[in-house]
Amino acid sequence: MMPQHVFRPVHQLYQGICILNWQFKKKYQNESAKEIFEEKCPELFPKFIKICKNFSGIHNDVDNPLISYSGTLHYLPGTASFSCLRLGEAERTSFFIIFDFVPLLESEIATDIVLTPREREIVQIMAMGKTNKEISKMLCIGLETVKSHIRNLFAKTGTSSRVELIGKLQYSRCDGRASWVDKAGG
């Protein structure tokens, strides 16, 4: 067992980090992983275990102690982009799961509005106050593509400004409890 001070730099990170032993038992999880696995979306952890077991069984290369697998899980509570790494061999193997979790927006649960994963990313970045140019750089997409996504978001939500759009799309919890929030009092 590693001393806790070793994990101090990653304990408060926004990304979820979980370390498993060779038997797929948790050795460590940071605060973000704990919040998601234990409070918001407990069904995510077993999905990650299954992924680690599957890719570990497929890539059982004793000459390569480092094997990784990355992907995205889409399901009702949200989207998880992840990387799983296997390091070591036999009983000295550890699995590292590093992930970002993006919950569905309340409006997607409470209404018929369905946003694409890219539209969700753009709304979340817009909510941080970023400009179209900054969004373009962060997502590695063209400026005109960002503008097109924003026009589509306005059309889908019946809004005409960034403030109105963000005001209507309130972020939800993973437990599915959500309601449409109209800041105009409707």
Protein backbone atom coordinates (compact mmCIF):
# COMPACT_ATOMS: atom_id res chain seq x y z
CA MET A 1 0.00 0.00 0.00
CA MET A 2 1.35 3.39 -1.03
CA PRO A 3 1.46 6.22 1.53
CA GLN A 4 -1.36 8.77 1.11
CA HIS A 5 1.04 11.73 0.66
CA VAL A 6 2.02 10.24 -2.72
CA PHE A 7 -1.51 11.00 -3.99
CA ARG A 8 -1.82 14.50 -2.54
CA PRO A 9 -1.12 16.31 -5.89
CA VAL A 10 -3.98 14.48 -7.67
CA HIS A 11 -6.47 14.26 -4.83
CA GLN A 12 -8.35 17.48 -5.67
CA LEU A 13 -8.08 17.32 -9.49
CA TYR A 14 -11.20 17.83 -11.58
CA GLN A 15 -10.49 14.61 -13.48
CA GLY A 16 -11.47 11.39 -11.79
CA ILE A 17 -8.55 9.14 -10.95
CA CYS A 18 -8.86 5.61 -9.64
CA ILE A 19 -6.15 3.00 -9.11
CA LEU A 20 -6.94 -0.71 -8.94
CA ASN A 21 -4.79 -3.65 -7.94
CA TRP A 22 -4.31 -6.79 -10.03
CA GLN A 23 -7.58 -8.20 -8.63
CA PHE A 24 -9.47 -5.06 -9.76
CA LYS A 25 -9.97 -3.82 -6.18
CA LYS A 26 -9.70 -0.08 -5.47
CA LYS A 27 -6.36 0.99 -4.03
CA TYR A 28 -7.02 4.71 -4.42
CA GLN A 29 -9.56 7.18 -5.79
CA ASN A 30 -9.40 10.96 -5.74
CA GLU A 31 -12.26 13.21 -4.61
CA SER A 32 -13.73 13.56 -8.13
CA ALA A 33 -13.83 9.80 -8.66
CA LYS A 34 -15.31 9.26 -5.21
CA GLU A 35 -18.07 11.81 -5.84
CA ILE A 36 -19.02 10.21 -9.16
CA PHE A 37 -18.65 6.54 -8.15
CA GLU A 38 -20.32 6.84 -4.76
CA GLU A 39 -22.79 9.72 -5.06
CA LYS A 40 -23.67 10.73 -8.61
CA CYS A 41 -23.26 7.67 -10.84
CA PRO A 42 -22.40 4.44 -9.00
CA GLU A 43 -23.04 2.43 -12.18
CA LEU A 44 -19.91 3.94 -13.79
CA PHE A 45 -17.35 2.11 -11.64
CA PRO A 46 -18.50 -1.43 -12.63
CA LYS A 47 -18.36 -0.33 -16.29
CA PHE A 48 -14.74 0.70 -15.84
CA ILE A 49 -13.92 -2.61 -14.11
CA LYS A 50 -15.39 -4.50 -17.06
CA ILE A 51 -13.39 -2.41 -19.53
CA CYS A 52 -10.14 -2.99 -17.60
CA LYS A 53 -10.78 -6.73 -17.44
CA ASN A 54 -11.61 -6.92 -21.15
CA PHE A 55 -8.64 -4.99 -22.48
CA SER A 56 -6.28 -6.67 -20.01
CA GLY A 57 -7.42 -10.11 -21.16
CA ILE A 58 -7.05 -9.21 -24.82
CA HIS A 59 -3.61 -7.63 -24.39
CA ASN A 60 -1.89 -10.14 -22.13
CA ASP A 61 1.60 -9.29 -23.39
CA VAL A 62 4.22 -10.16 -20.76
CA ASP A 63 6.93 -8.33 -22.75
CA ASN A 64 4.99 -5.06 -22.51
CA PRO A 65 4.29 -4.02 -18.89
CA LEU A 66 2.40 -0.86 -20.00
CA ILE A 67 -0.83 -1.24 -21.95
CA SER A 68 -3.49 1.42 -22.37
CA TYR A 69 -7.00 1.71 -23.68
CA SER A 70 -9.02 4.89 -24.20
CA GLY A 71 -12.59 5.56 -25.13
CA THR A 72 -15.88 7.23 -24.38
CA LEU A 73 -18.93 5.81 -22.61
CA HIS A 74 -22.29 7.34 -23.55
CA TYR A 75 -25.31 6.44 -21.44
CA LEU A 76 -28.28 8.10 -19.77
CA PRO A 77 -26.59 9.92 -16.85
CA GLY A 78 -23.84 11.41 -19.01
CA THR A 79 -20.65 10.83 -20.95
CA ALA A 80 -17.31 9.63 -19.61
CA SER A 81 -14.13 10.06 -21.64
CA PHE A 82 -11.47 7.82 -20.17
CA SER A 83 -8.06 6.24 -20.38
CA CYS A 84 -7.26 2.96 -18.65
CA LEU A 85 -3.64 1.97 -18.18
CA ARG A 86 -2.26 -1.35 -17.04
CA LEU A 87 1.19 -1.17 -15.54
CA GLY A 88 3.17 -4.12 -14.23
CA GLU A 89 2.72 -7.84 -14.42
CA ALA A 90 1.07 -10.61 -12.37
CA GLU A 91 0.45 -9.61 -8.73
CA ARG A 92 2.37 -6.37 -9.23
CA THR A 93 -0.10 -5.08 -11.82
CA SER A 94 -1.97 -1.83 -11.23
CA PHE A 95 -4.74 -0.34 -13.33
CA PHE A 96 -5.04 3.43 -13.59
CA ILE A 97 -8.37 4.91 -14.69
CA ILE A 98 -8.34 8.59 -15.56
CA PHE A 99 -11.62 10.09 -16.72
CA ASP A 100 -13.71 13.18 -17.30
CA PHE A 101 -17.43 12.89 -16.62
CA VAL A 102 -19.91 15.22 -18.31
CA PRO A 103 -23.46 14.89 -16.98
CA LEU A 104 -26.46 15.41 -19.20
CA LEU A 105 -28.00 18.83 -19.09
CA GLU A 106 -31.29 19.23 -17.23
CA SER A 107 -32.97 20.38 -20.41
CA GLU A 108 -32.05 17.11 -22.13
CA ILE A 109 -33.71 15.10 -19.37
CA ALA A 110 -36.74 17.34 -18.80
CA THR A 111 -37.57 18.27 -22.40
CA ASP A 112 -37.36 16.89 -25.91
CA ILE A 113 -34.18 18.87 -26.59
CA VAL A 114 -31.34 16.52 -27.43
CA LEU A 115 -27.84 17.96 -27.59
CA THR A 116 -24.94 16.25 -29.28
CA PRO A 117 -21.84 15.55 -27.17
CA ARG A 118 -20.05 18.40 -29.01
CA GLU A 119 -22.93 20.81 -28.30
CA ARG A 120 -22.76 19.86 -24.61
CA GLU A 121 -19.03 20.59 -24.58
CA ILE A 122 -19.58 23.95 -26.22
CA VAL A 123 -22.31 24.95 -23.74
CA GLN A 124 -20.10 23.97 -20.81
CA ILE A 125 -17.16 25.96 -22.18
CA MET A 126 -19.46 28.92 -22.95
CA ALA A 127 -20.61 28.79 -19.31
CA MET A 128 -16.96 29.34 -18.32
CA GLY A 129 -17.08 32.66 -20.19
CA LYS A 130 -14.91 31.60 -23.11
CA THR A 131 -15.10 33.32 -26.49
CA ASN A 132 -15.80 31.54 -29.77
CA LYS A 133 -12.10 31.75 -30.63
CA GLU A 134 -11.13 30.21 -27.27
CA ILE A 135 -13.73 27.43 -27.74
CA SER A 136 -12.29 26.77 -31.20
CA LYS A 137 -8.77 26.39 -29.80
CA MET A 138 -9.86 24.28 -26.80
CA LEU A 139 -11.82 21.81 -28.94
CA CYS A 140 -9.46 21.91 -31.96
CA ILE A 141 -12.27 22.81 -34.34
CA GLY A 142 -12.69 25.72 -36.74
CA LEU A 143 -14.12 29.04 -35.66
CA GLU A 144 -16.93 28.75 -38.22
CA THR A 145 -17.78 25.29 -36.83
CA VAL A 146 -18.12 26.78 -33.34
CA LYS A 147 -20.39 29.51 -34.68
CA SER A 148 -22.49 26.91 -36.50
CA HIS A 149 -22.89 24.86 -33.30
CA ILE A 150 -23.94 27.97 -31.37
CA ARG A 151 -26.52 28.89 -34.03
CA ASN A 152 -27.89 25.34 -33.80
CA LEU A 153 -28.01 25.60 -29.99
CA PHE A 154 -29.97 28.86 -30.23
CA ALA A 155 -32.43 27.23 -32.66
CA LYS A 156 -32.87 24.08 -30.53
CA THR A 157 -33.47 26.01 -27.32
CA GLY A 158 -35.41 28.96 -28.70
CA THR A 159 -32.84 31.41 -27.36
CA SER A 160 -31.07 34.31 -29.04
CA SER A 161 -28.08 35.06 -26.79
CA ARG A 162 -25.36 33.19 -24.94
CA VAL A 163 -26.65 34.42 -21.58
CA GLU A 164 -30.18 33.27 -22.37
CA LEU A 165 -28.91 29.90 -23.64
CA ILE A 166 -26.81 29.22 -20.54
CA GLY A 167 -29.65 30.44 -18.33
CA LYS A 168 -32.04 27.90 -19.85
CA LEU A 169 -29.66 24.95 -19.82
CA GLN A 170 -29.02 24.21 -16.19
CA TYR A 171 -26.66 21.32 -15.40
CA SER A 172 -28.26 18.28 -13.84
CA ARG A 173 -27.26 15.64 -11.39
CA CYS A 174 -26.82 12.06 -12.55
CA ASP A 175 -29.73 10.81 -10.50
CA GLY A 176 -32.15 11.94 -13.20
CA ARG A 177 -33.92 14.53 -11.04
CA ALA A 178 -34.17 17.64 -13.12
CA SER A 179 -36.62 20.25 -14.21
CA TRP A 180 -36.77 22.88 -16.91
CA VAL A 181 -35.67 26.16 -15.41
CA ASP A 182 -36.92 29.33 -17.08
CA LYS A 183 -35.08 32.32 -15.63
CA ALA A 184 -37.71 34.67 -17.06
CA GLY A 185 -40.21 33.35 -14.53
CA GLY A 186 -42.32 31.26 -16.88
